[in-house]
C-alpha atoms as a PDB file:
ATOM      1  CA  MET A   1     102.373  91.207 112.973  1.00  0.00           C
ATOM      2  CA  ARG A   2     100.733  94.537 114.002  1.00  0.00           C
ATOM      3  CA  TRP A   3      98.169  95.307 111.942  1.00  0.00           C
ATOM      4  CA  LEU A   4      96.571  98.877 111.741  1.00  0.00           C
ATOM      5  CA  THR A   5      92.963  99.849 111.052  1.00  0.00           C
ATOM      6  CA  GLY A   6      93.776 103.283 109.640  1.00  0.00           C
ATOM      7  CA  VAL A   7      96.700 105.202 109.643  1.00  0.00           C
ATOM      8  CA  ALA A   8      94.919 109.026 109.281  1.00  0.00           C
ATOM      9  CA  THR A   9      95.350 109.418 112.939  1.00  0.00           C
ATOM     10  CA  ALA A  10      98.095 112.146 114.210  1.00  0.00           C
ATOM     11  CA  SER A  11      99.448 109.975 117.150  1.00  0.00           C
ATOM     12  CA  ALA A  12     102.690 108.280 116.840  1.00  0.00           C
ATOM     13  CA  ILE A  13     103.302 104.550 116.612  1.00  0.00           C
ATOM     14  CA  GLU A  14     105.432 102.476 119.305  1.00  0.00           C
ATOM     15  CA  PRO A  15     108.613 101.870 118.166  1.00  0.00           C
ATOM     16  CA  LEU A  16     109.016  98.616 115.880  1.00  0.00           C
ATOM     17  CA  GLU A  17     110.280  95.418 117.883  1.00  0.00           C
ATOM     18  CA  PRO A  18     113.129  93.588 116.119  1.00  0.00           C
ATOM     19  CA  GLU A  19     111.222  91.056 112.996  1.00  0.00           C
ATOM     20  CA  GLU A  20     108.067  93.009 113.687  1.00  0.00           C
ATOM     21  CA  ILE A  21     105.681  93.955 110.809  1.00  0.00           C
ATOM     22  CA  VAL A  22     103.431  96.722 110.731  1.00  0.00           C
ATOM     23  CA  PHE A  23     100.831  96.343 108.307  1.00  0.00           C
ATOM     24  CA  TRP A  24      97.953  98.631 106.771  1.00  0.00           C
ATOM     25  CA  LEU A  25      95.402  96.793 104.348  1.00  0.00           C
ATOM     26  CA  ALA A  26      92.599  98.620 102.577  1.00  0.00           C
ATOM     27  CA  THR A  27      90.079  99.175 100.056  1.00  0.00           C
ATOM     28  CA  VAL A  28      89.503 102.265  97.703  1.00  0.00           C
ATOM     29  CA  PHE A  29      86.249 103.352  96.721  1.00  0.00           C
ATOM     30  CA  PRO A  30      87.008 105.919  93.814  1.00  0.00           C
ATOM     31  CA  SER A  31      83.422 107.148  93.497  1.00  0.00           C
ATOM     32  CA  ARG A  32      82.915 107.835  97.061  1.00  0.00           C
ATOM     33  CA  ASP A  33      84.709 110.573  99.129  1.00  0.00           C
ATOM     34  CA  VAL A  34      84.991 110.282 102.573  1.00  0.00           C
ATOM     35  CA  ALA A  35      83.655 113.264 104.642  1.00  0.00           C
ATOM     36  CA  ALA A  36      86.620 115.280 106.223  1.00  0.00           C
ATOM     37  CA  GLY A  37      87.239 114.534 110.365  1.00  0.00           C
ATOM     38  CA  GLU A  38      85.239 111.222 109.895  1.00  0.00           C
ATOM     39  CA  HIS A  39      87.506 109.026 112.174  1.00  0.00           C
ATOM     40  CA  ASP A  40      90.829 108.018 111.119  1.00  0.00           C
ATOM     41  CA  THR A  41      90.243 109.091 107.594  1.00  0.00           C
ATOM     42  CA  LEU A  42      90.997 111.526 104.793  1.00  0.00           C
ATOM     43  CA  SER A  43      88.757 112.965 102.420  1.00  0.00           C
ATOM     44  CA  ILE A  44      90.586 112.907  98.660  1.00  0.00           C
ATOM     45  CA  GLU A  45      91.747 116.305  98.933  1.00  0.00           C
ATOM     46  CA  GLN A  46      93.434 115.490 102.174  1.00  0.00           C
ATOM     47  CA  ALA A  47      95.177 113.183 101.226  1.00  0.00           C
ATOM     48  CA  ALA A  48      96.424 114.609  97.852  1.00  0.00           C
ATOM     49  CA  LYS A  49      98.024 117.358  99.871  1.00  0.00           C
ATOM     50  CA  VAL A  50     100.128 114.929 101.354  1.00  0.00           C
ATOM     51  CA  LEU A  51     102.131 113.960  97.935  1.00  0.00           C
ATOM     52  CA  ASP A  52     104.950 115.649  96.887  1.00  0.00           C
ATOM     53  CA  ALA A  53     105.222 117.303  93.355  1.00  0.00           C
ATOM     54  CA  GLU A  54     106.579 114.006  92.228  1.00  0.00           C
ATOM     55  CA  GLU A  55     103.777 111.721  93.266  1.00  0.00           C
ATOM     56  CA  THR A  56     101.066 114.018  92.223  1.00  0.00           C
ATOM     57  CA  ASP A  57     102.151 114.253  88.676  1.00  0.00           C
ATOM     58  CA  ARG A  58     102.839 110.198  88.679  1.00  0.00           C
ATOM     59  CA  MET A  59      99.126 109.796  90.081  1.00  0.00           C
ATOM     60  CA  ALA A  60      97.951 112.313  87.244  1.00  0.00           C
ATOM     61  CA  ARG A  61      99.044 110.316  84.402  1.00  0.00           C
ATOM     62  CA  PHE A  62      96.850 107.508  85.040  1.00  0.00           C
ATOM     63  CA  LEU A  63      94.202 107.131  82.652  1.00  0.00           C
ATOM     64  CA  HIS A  64      91.557 105.434  84.914  1.00  0.00           C
ATOM     65  CA  ILE A  65      89.888 106.995  88.325  1.00  0.00           C
ATOM     66  CA  GLU A  66      90.211 103.664  89.962  1.00  0.00           C
ATOM     67  CA  ASP A  67      94.181 103.566  89.288  1.00  0.00           C
ATOM     68  CA  ARG A  68      94.495 107.018  90.249  1.00  0.00           C
ATOM     69  CA  MET A  69      92.458 106.541  93.852  1.00  0.00           C
ATOM     70  CA  SER A  70      94.590 103.496  94.532  1.00  0.00           C
ATOM     71  CA  TYR A  71      97.941 105.109  93.710  1.00  0.00           C
ATOM     72  CA  LEU A  72      96.651 107.699  96.015  1.00  0.00           C
ATOM     73  CA  ALA A  73      95.590 105.845  98.642  1.00  0.00           C
ATOM     74  CA  ALA A  74      98.885 103.696  98.428  1.00  0.00           C
ATOM     75  CA  HIS A  75     101.461 106.540  98.707  1.00  0.00           C
ATOM     76  CA  ALA A  76      99.405 108.885 101.077  1.00  0.00           C
ATOM     77  CA  GLY A  77      99.026 105.755 103.195  1.00  0.00           C
ATOM     78  CA  ALA A  78     102.295 104.999 103.236  1.00  0.00           C
ATOM     79  CA  ARG A  79     103.834 108.370 104.104  1.00  0.00           C
ATOM     80  CA  LEU A  80     100.942 108.680 106.664  1.00  0.00           C
ATOM     81  CA  LEU A  81     102.251 105.267 108.359  1.00  0.00           C
ATOM     82  CA  LEU A  82     106.252 106.448 108.445  1.00  0.00           C
ATOM     83  CA  GLY A  83     105.242 109.801 109.519  1.00  0.00           C
ATOM     84  CA  ARG A  84     103.659 107.999 112.477  1.00  0.00           C
ATOM     85  CA  LEU A  85     106.795 105.638 112.991  1.00  0.00           C
ATOM     86  CA  VAL A  86     109.287 108.553 112.820  1.00  0.00           C
ATOM     87  CA  ASP A  87     107.393 110.951 114.571  1.00  0.00           C
ATOM     88  CA  ARG A  88     107.580 113.439 111.519  1.00  0.00           C
ATOM     89  CA  PRO A  89     104.700 115.305 109.430  1.00  0.00           C
ATOM     90  CA  ALA A  90     103.367 113.065 106.392  1.00  0.00           C
ATOM     91  CA  ASP A  91     104.062 116.090 103.666  1.00  0.00           C
ATOM     92  CA  ALA A  92     107.703 116.511 105.173  1.00  0.00           C
ATOM     93  CA  LEU A  93     108.824 112.876 104.257  1.00  0.00           C
ATOM     94  CA  ARG A  94     111.599 112.733 101.456  1.00  0.00           C
ATOM     95  CA  PHE A  95     112.625 109.409  99.593  1.00  0.00           C
ATOM     96  CA  GLU A  96     115.100 108.734  97.193  1.00  0.00           C
ATOM     97  CA  PRO A  97     115.593 105.451  94.887  1.00  0.00           C
ATOM     98  CA  SER A  98     117.950 102.735  96.078  1.00  0.00           C
ATOM     99  CA  ALA A  99     120.240 101.308  93.466  1.00  0.00           C
ATOM    100  CA  HIS A 100     117.441  99.374  91.780  1.00  0.00           C
ATOM    101  CA  GLY A 101     114.476 101.984  92.516  1.00  0.00           C
ATOM    102  CA  LYS A 102     112.983 100.910  95.588  1.00  0.00           C
ATOM    103  CA  PRO A 103     112.201 104.371  97.823  1.00  0.00           C
ATOM    104  CA  VAL A 104     113.819 104.766 100.776  1.00  0.00           C
ATOM    105  CA  LEU A 105     112.968 107.589 103.393  1.00  0.00           C
ATOM    106  CA  VAL A 106     115.396 110.490 103.565  1.00  0.00           C
ATOM    107  CA  GLY A 107     116.705 110.546 107.253  1.00  0.00           C
ATOM    108  CA  GLY A 108     115.045 107.931 108.307  1.00  0.00           C
ATOM    109  CA  PRO A 109     116.447 104.977 110.869  1.00  0.00           C
ATOM    110  CA  ALA A 110     118.924 103.158 109.000  1.00  0.00           C
ATOM    111  CA  ASN A 111     117.209  99.762 109.313  1.00  0.00           C
ATOM    112  CA  LEU A 112     113.825 101.118 108.485  1.00  0.00           C
ATOM    113  CA  ASP A 113     112.410  99.802 105.319  1.00  0.00           C
ATOM    114  CA  PHE A 114     109.054  99.790 104.067  1.00  0.00           C
ATOM    115  CA  SER A 115     106.849  98.666 100.844  1.00  0.00           C
ATOM    116  CA  LEU A 116     103.496  99.430  99.256  1.00  0.00           C
ATOM    117  CA  SER A 117     101.455  97.947  96.501  1.00  0.00           C
ATOM    118  CA  HIS A 118      98.556  98.876  94.851  1.00  0.00           C
ATOM    119  CA  ALA A 119      95.701  97.629  92.575  1.00  0.00           C
ATOM    120  CA  ARG A 120      92.574  98.625  91.312  1.00  0.00           C
ATOM    121  CA  GLY A 121      90.289  98.606  94.564  1.00  0.00           C
ATOM    122  CA  ALA A 122      92.914  97.801  97.101  1.00  0.00           C
ATOM    123  CA  VAL A 123      96.020  98.977  98.709  1.00  0.00           C
ATOM    124  CA  ALA A 124      98.797  97.830 101.013  1.00  0.00           C
ATOM    125  CA  VAL A 125     101.707  98.977 103.172  1.00  0.00           C
ATOM    126  CA  ALA A 126     104.243  97.056 104.909  1.00  0.00           C
ATOM    127  CA  ALA A 127     106.917  98.553 107.030  1.00  0.00           C
ATOM    128  CA  ALA A 128     109.632  96.740 109.298  1.00  0.00           C
ATOM    129  CA  CYS A 129     113.400  97.078 110.922  1.00  0.00           C
ATOM    130  CA  MET A 130     114.727  94.594 107.888  1.00  0.00           C
ATOM    131  CA  PRO A 131     114.089  94.138 104.476  1.00  0.00           C
ATOM    132  CA  ILE A 132     110.184  93.957 103.695  1.00  0.00           C
ATOM    133  CA  GLY A 133     108.369  93.816 100.444  1.00  0.00           C
ATOM    134  CA  VAL A 134     104.552  93.676 100.093  1.00  0.00           C
ATOM    135  CA  ASP A 135     102.500  92.978  97.158  1.00  0.00           C
ATOM    136  CA  ILE A 136      98.785  92.699  96.051  1.00  0.00           C
ATOM    137  CA  GLU A 137      97.322  91.443  93.090  1.00  0.00           C
ATOM    138  CA  PRO A 138      93.637  91.702  91.584  1.00  0.00           C
ATOM    139  CA  LEU A 139      91.964  88.342  90.975  1.00  0.00           C
ATOM    140  CA  ARG A 140      91.677  88.404  86.992  1.00  0.00           C
ATOM    141  CA  GLU A 141      91.699  86.470  84.060  1.00  0.00           C
ATOM    142  CA  ILE A 142      95.029  86.233  82.216  1.00  0.00           C
ATOM    143  CA  ALA A 143      94.655  85.011  78.470  1.00  0.00           C
ATOM    144  CA  ASP A 144      98.304  84.190  78.088  1.00  0.00           C
ATOM    145  CA  MET A 145      98.489  82.369  81.670  1.00  0.00           C
ATOM    146  CA  ASP A 146     100.825  79.578  80.267  1.00  0.00           C
ATOM    147  CA  SER A 147     103.448  81.768  78.073  1.00  0.00           C
ATOM    148  CA  ILE A 148     103.541  84.381  81.256  1.00  0.00           C
ATOM    149  CA  SER A 149     104.226  81.172  83.336  1.00  0.00           C
ATOM    150  CA  GLU A 150     107.694  80.925  81.339  1.00  0.00           C
ATOM    151  CA  ILE A 151     108.877  83.840  82.515  1.00  0.00           C
ATOM    152  CA  VAL A 152     107.646  83.674  86.307  1.00  0.00           C
ATOM    153  CA  LEU A 153     107.552  80.023  87.053  1.00  0.00           C
ATOM    154  CA  ALA A 154     110.540  77.594  87.324  1.00  0.00           C
ATOM    155  CA  ALA A 155     110.190  74.189  85.910  1.00  0.00           C
ATOM    156  CA  GLU A 156     109.233  72.313  89.218  1.00  0.00           C
ATOM    157  CA  GLU A 157     106.448  75.293  90.162  1.00  0.00           C
ATOM    158  CA  ARG A 158     104.891  74.958  86.311  1.00  0.00           C
ATOM    159  CA  LYS A 159     104.648  71.384  87.114  1.00  0.00           C
ATOM    160  CA  VAL A 160     102.538  72.072  90.566  1.00  0.00           C
ATOM    161  CA  LEU A 161     100.197  74.519  88.362  1.00  0.00           C
ATOM    162  CA  ARG A 162      99.630  72.053  85.761  1.00  0.00           C
ATOM    163  CA  ASN A 163      98.604  69.426  88.117  1.00  0.00           C
ATOM    164  CA  ALA A 164      96.414  71.646  90.412  1.00  0.00           C
ATOM    165  CA  PRO A 165      92.564  71.597  89.477  1.00  0.00           C
ATOM    166  CA  VAL A 166      91.629  73.686  86.646  1.00  0.00           C
ATOM    167  CA  ALA A 167      89.451  75.602  88.626  1.00  0.00           C
ATOM    168  CA  LEU A 168      92.200  76.895  91.021  1.00  0.00           C
ATOM    169  CA  ARG A 169      94.622  77.465  88.478  1.00  0.00           C
ATOM    170  CA  LEU A 170      94.550  80.924  88.081  1.00  0.00           C
ATOM    171  CA  ARG A 171      94.636  81.755  91.648  1.00  0.00           C
ATOM    172  CA  LEU A 172      97.723  79.486  92.174  1.00  0.00           C
ATOM    173  CA  PHE A 173      99.379  81.328  89.395  1.00  0.00           C
ATOM    174  CA  LEU A 174      98.357  84.876  91.080  1.00  0.00           C
ATOM    175  CA  ARG A 175      99.785  83.543  94.325  1.00  0.00           C
ATOM    176  CA  TYR A 176     102.917  82.573  93.044  1.00  0.00           C
ATOM    177  CA  TRP A 177     103.425  86.226  91.340  1.00  0.00           C
ATOM    178  CA  THR A 178     102.196  88.087  94.361  1.00  0.00           C
ATOM    179  CA  LEU A 179     104.902  86.453  96.758  1.00  0.00           C
ATOM    180  CA  LYS A 180     107.897  86.200  94.372  1.00  0.00           C
ATOM    181  CA  GLU A 181     107.282  89.847  93.664  1.00  0.00           C
ATOM    182  CA  ALA A 182     106.790  90.726  97.440  1.00  0.00           C
ATOM    183  CA  LEU A 183     110.158  88.555  97.937  1.00  0.00           C
ATOM    184  CA  LEU A 184     111.651  90.716  95.159  1.00  0.00           C
ATOM    185  CA  LYS A 185     110.853  94.131  96.390  1.00  0.00           C
ATOM    186  CA  ALA A 186     112.117  93.103 100.210  1.00  0.00           C
ATOM    187  CA  ALA A 187     115.546  92.179  98.289  1.00  0.00           C
ATOM    188  CA  SER A 188     115.441  95.510  96.610  1.00  0.00           C
ATOM    189  CA  VAL A 189     116.290  94.013  93.147  1.00  0.00           C
ATOM    190  CA  GLY A 190     112.913  94.182  91.409  1.00  0.00           C
ATOM    191  CA  PHE A 191     112.697  92.159  88.280  1.00  0.00           C
ATOM    192  CA  THR A 192     116.642  92.300  87.694  1.00  0.00           C
ATOM    193  CA  ILE A 193     116.810  89.124  88.855  1.00  0.00           C
ATOM    194  CA  PRO A 194     114.331  86.731  86.919  1.00  0.00           C
ATOM    195  CA  PRO A 195     111.271  85.619  88.892  1.00  0.00           C
ATOM    196  CA  ASN A 196     111.866  82.003  87.652  1.00  0.00           C
ATOM    197  CA  THR A 197     114.992  81.668  89.327  1.00  0.00           C
ATOM    198  CA  VAL A 198     113.440  81.737  92.702  1.00  0.00           C
ATOM    199  CA  ILE A 199     111.349  78.382  93.643  1.00  0.00           C
ATOM    200  CA  ILE A 200     108.748  78.644  96.399  1.00  0.00           C
ATOM    201  CA  ASP A 201     106.162  76.480  97.878  1.00  0.00           C
ATOM    202  CA  ALA A 202     102.979  78.656  97.057  1.00  0.00           C
ATOM    203  CA  GLY A 203     100.593  76.581  99.792  1.00  0.00           C
ATOM    204  CA  ALA A 204      99.012  77.009 102.860  1.00  0.00           C
ATOM    205  CA  SER A 205     102.257  78.171 104.456  1.00  0.00           C
ATOM    206  CA  PRO A 206     104.282  79.486 101.899  1.00  0.00           C
ATOM    207  CA  ALA A 207     108.054  78.978 101.798  1.00  0.00           C
ATOM    208  CA  VAL A 208     111.028  79.944 100.102  1.00  0.00           C
ATOM    209  CA  LEU A 209     112.795  76.545  98.871  1.00  0.00           C
ATOM    210  CA  SER A 210     115.850  78.446  96.349  1.00  0.00           C
ATOM    211  CA  VAL A 211     116.652  81.667  95.238  1.00  0.00           C
ATOM    212  CA  PRO A 212     119.812  82.682  93.427  1.00  0.00           C
ATOM    213  CA  ASP A 213     123.105  83.226  94.944  1.00  0.00           C
ATOM    214  CA  ALA A 214     122.397  86.877  94.694  1.00  0.00           C
ATOM    215  CA  LEU A 215     119.947  86.729  97.437  1.00  0.00           C
ATOM    216  CA  GLY A 216     121.750  84.845  99.731  1.00  0.00           C
ATOM    217  CA  SER A 217     120.169  81.822 101.646  1.00  0.00           C
ATOM    218  CA  ALA A 218     116.610  80.333 100.814  1.00  0.00           C
ATOM    219  CA  ALA A 219     116.294  80.187 104.660  1.00  0.00           C
ATOM    220  CA  GLU A 220     117.124  83.953 105.361  1.00  0.00           C
ATOM    221  CA  TRP A 221     113.371  84.701 103.729  1.00  0.00           C
ATOM    222  CA  ARG A 222     110.363  84.264 104.989  1.00  0.00           C
ATOM    223  CA  LEU A 223     106.591  84.604 103.535  1.00  0.00           C
ATOM    224  CA  ILE A 224     103.503  85.557 104.768  1.00  0.00           C
ATOM    225  CA  ALA A 225     100.059  85.263 102.880  1.00  0.00           C
ATOM    226  CA  PRO A 226      96.592  84.174 103.837  1.00  0.00           C
ATOM    227  CA  ALA A 227      95.660  80.253 103.342  1.00  0.00           C
ATOM    228  CA  VAL A 228      94.234  79.458 100.506  1.00  0.00           C
END
């Protein structure tokens, strides 16, 4: 795992090793613009210029400034990171959707994959020379967690959730959700495969226990997440 502290520098990133992941995680401050020229940062105006017309249109559809700024940071960050990996200008990159909508870099190395995620206040981008998925979720109250659990979790996972201390159940549910969404992003299938058909261990060292036949063998998939 290669962690980046920033993505706005002009220098290229060293080529990825097999099975290496390059990862960028950032906090977004919607009410505080960054002064142009500050080390390894872009102002909001500079970041917006990196997006293409479709991304700019999608960003404008968000009603809340926090959501617009998180979208901007994630998509500009992905462009800047990929641009450094392939040594091309970030604003010149073009993408096309895969069969289930995951964006693919046009003209990039055939094995280069990337994923991005944004939530209010935080963004994450990951890239690798293998299928990769990343997801982040804000810690928030979920009023209908029991009913949503039927959709997201397998029976074994719902039992683990019920047996967890009450104070930890929300955090555990969101951990299940985040890990499963990242895996389905990596598989480029999204929620065309029901998440409750994927069974994982969401403990301190998360692992994939079972997946539908369409995803191959559980042993092919690896989960990485902070310990809880």
